[in-house]
Each structure stands twice: as C-alpha cells, then as structure tokens.
C-alpha cells in the first residue's frame, strides 16, 4: 500500500465513523490525497492537516455533517 492509498483509506474510515456518507468521504479523501501529492511541506503532522482539510471538504458537501478533529 502506497502513502496515497493509506491516506485515502484512513480519511474515509474517520469520516464515515463520524457520520459522513461514503460518497462524501470518498470525495474528501480524494481531495486530501490531491493535497498530499501537490503540497511539499504540510507541517509537523501531515496526517492531521490532511484529515482537517478532508473534514472541511466533507462539511461543504454534506450539510448535516459536522467534523470533529480526532484526538491523538
């Protein structure tokens, strides 16, 4: 499994666990993977930044979904 596939899988799992529809989670995961591919310096914790971006994207696409950043 390459890093992009791992990111997509983890983002989808987290968003569906929080109540997003599978389609919304897939779109958000694709967006997070695209950000991973195009951004060279994401920060100290790249997964946290990508899940935050995916959660924001999911909230835009699914009105009744509210993303809460998971605690680590």
C-alpha atoms as a PDB file:
ATOM      1  CA  UNK A   1       0.000   0.000   0.000  1.00  0.00           C
ATOM      2  CA  UNK A   2       1.483   3.326  -1.016  1.00  0.00           C
ATOM      3  CA  UNK A   3       1.111   6.535   1.052  1.00  0.00           C
ATOM      4  CA  UNK A   4      -1.725   7.939  -1.072  1.00  0.00           C
ATOM      5  CA  UNK A   5      -3.806   4.766  -0.693  1.00  0.00           C
ATOM      6  CA  UNK A   6      -3.127   4.772   3.052  1.00  0.00           C
ATOM      7  CA  UNK A   7      -4.238   8.399   3.380  1.00  0.00           C
ATOM      8  CA  UNK A   8      -7.426   7.749   1.422  1.00  0.00           C
ATOM      9  CA  UNK A   9      -8.286   4.668   3.490  1.00  0.00           C
ATOM     10  CA  UNK A  10      -7.704   6.384   6.828  1.00  0.00           C
ATOM     11  CA  UNK A  11      -9.590   9.548   5.836  1.00  0.00           C
ATOM     12  CA  UNK A  12     -12.577   7.536   4.608  1.00  0.00           C
ATOM     13  CA  UNK A  13     -12.631   5.449   7.807  1.00  0.00           C
ATOM     14  CA  UNK A  14     -12.506   8.523  10.052  1.00  0.00           C
ATOM     15  CA  UNK A  15     -15.168  10.478   8.176  1.00  0.00           C
ATOM     16  CA  UNK A  16     -17.583   7.546   7.913  1.00  0.00           C
ATOM     17  CA  UNK A  17     -17.039   6.842  11.628  1.00  0.00           C
ATOM     18  CA  UNK A  18     -18.062  10.452  12.331  1.00  0.00           C
ATOM     19  CA  UNK A  19     -21.222  10.149  10.231  1.00  0.00           C
ATOM     20  CA  UNK A  20     -20.327  11.257   6.714  1.00  0.00           C
ATOM     21  CA  UNK A  21     -21.857   9.368   3.823  1.00  0.00           C
ATOM     22  CA  UNK A  22     -19.452   7.053   1.965  1.00  0.00           C
ATOM     23  CA  UNK A  23     -19.663   9.199  -1.187  1.00  0.00           C
ATOM     24  CA  UNK A  24     -18.824  12.370   0.706  1.00  0.00           C
ATOM     25  CA  UNK A  25     -15.980  10.595   2.497  1.00  0.00           C
ATOM     26  CA  UNK A  26     -14.598   9.352  -0.843  1.00  0.00           C
ATOM     27  CA  UNK A  27     -14.676  12.855  -2.334  1.00  0.00           C
ATOM     28  CA  UNK A  28     -12.962  14.296   0.740  1.00  0.00           C
ATOM     29  CA  UNK A  29     -10.343  11.522   0.675  1.00  0.00           C
ATOM     30  CA  UNK A  30      -9.622  12.249  -2.983  1.00  0.00           C
ATOM     31  CA  UNK A  31      -9.195  15.922  -2.095  1.00  0.00           C
ATOM     32  CA  UNK A  32      -6.829  15.066   0.785  1.00  0.00           C
ATOM     33  CA  UNK A  33      -4.797  12.784  -1.477  1.00  0.00           C
ATOM     34  CA  UNK A  34      -4.549  15.527  -4.096  1.00  0.00           C
ATOM     35  CA  UNK A  35      -3.322  17.960  -1.439  1.00  0.00           C
ATOM     36  CA  UNK A  36      -0.747  15.387  -0.310  1.00  0.00           C
ATOM     37  CA  UNK A  37       0.527  14.976  -3.871  1.00  0.00           C
ATOM     38  CA  UNK A  38       0.754  18.704  -4.639  1.00  0.00           C
ATOM     39  CA  UNK A  39       1.958  20.098  -1.308  1.00  0.00           C
ATOM     40  CA  UNK A  40       5.598  19.521  -0.478  1.00  0.00           C
ATOM     41  CA  UNK A  41       5.609  20.898   3.082  1.00  0.00           C
ATOM     42  CA  UNK A  42       2.442  20.182   5.026  1.00  0.00           C
ATOM     43  CA  UNK A  43       3.862  20.610   8.525  1.00  0.00           C
ATOM     44  CA  UNK A  44       4.839  18.597  11.569  1.00  0.00           C
ATOM     45  CA  UNK A  45       1.878  16.219  11.431  1.00  0.00           C
ATOM     46  CA  UNK A  46       0.856  15.794   7.795  1.00  0.00           C
ATOM     47  CA  UNK A  47      -1.980  13.360   8.545  1.00  0.00           C
ATOM     48  CA  UNK A  48      -3.609  15.789  10.973  1.00  0.00           C
ATOM     49  CA  UNK A  49      -3.503  18.547   8.365  1.00  0.00           C
ATOM     50  CA  UNK A  50      -4.908  16.272   5.660  1.00  0.00           C
ATOM     51  CA  UNK A  51      -7.740  14.985   7.859  1.00  0.00           C
ATOM     52  CA  UNK A  52      -8.587  18.586   8.772  1.00  0.00           C
ATOM     53  CA  UNK A  53      -8.748  19.545   5.093  1.00  0.00           C
ATOM     54  CA  UNK A  54     -10.837  16.474   4.292  1.00  0.00           C
ATOM     55  CA  UNK A  55     -13.225  17.218   7.157  1.00  0.00           C
ATOM     56  CA  UNK A  56     -13.716  20.774   5.931  1.00  0.00           C
ATOM     57  CA  UNK A  57     -14.386  19.486   2.414  1.00  0.00           C
ATOM     58  CA  UNK A  58     -16.891  16.921   3.735  1.00  0.00           C
ATOM     59  CA  UNK A  59     -18.781  19.622   5.661  1.00  0.00           C
ATOM     60  CA  UNK A  60     -19.100  21.656   2.452  1.00  0.00           C
ATOM     61  CA  UNK A  61     -20.578  18.707   0.566  1.00  0.00           C
ATOM     62  CA  UNK A  62     -22.836  17.266   3.254  1.00  0.00           C
ATOM     63  CA  UNK A  63     -24.800  19.936   5.083  1.00  0.00           C
ATOM     64  CA  UNK A  64     -25.825  17.776   8.066  1.00  0.00           C
ATOM     65  CA  UNK A  65     -22.278  16.529   8.745  1.00  0.00           C
ATOM     66  CA  UNK A  66     -20.103  18.153  11.426  1.00  0.00           C
ATOM     67  CA  UNK A  67     -16.445  17.191  11.546  1.00  0.00           C
ATOM     68  CA  UNK A  68     -14.634  16.980  14.881  1.00  0.00           C
ATOM     69  CA  UNK A  69     -10.861  16.713  14.768  1.00  0.00           C
ATOM     70  CA  UNK A  70      -9.843  13.354  16.314  1.00  0.00           C
ATOM     71  CA  UNK A  71      -7.617  13.485  19.379  1.00  0.00           C
ATOM     72  CA  UNK A  72      -4.216  11.841  19.204  1.00  0.00           C
END
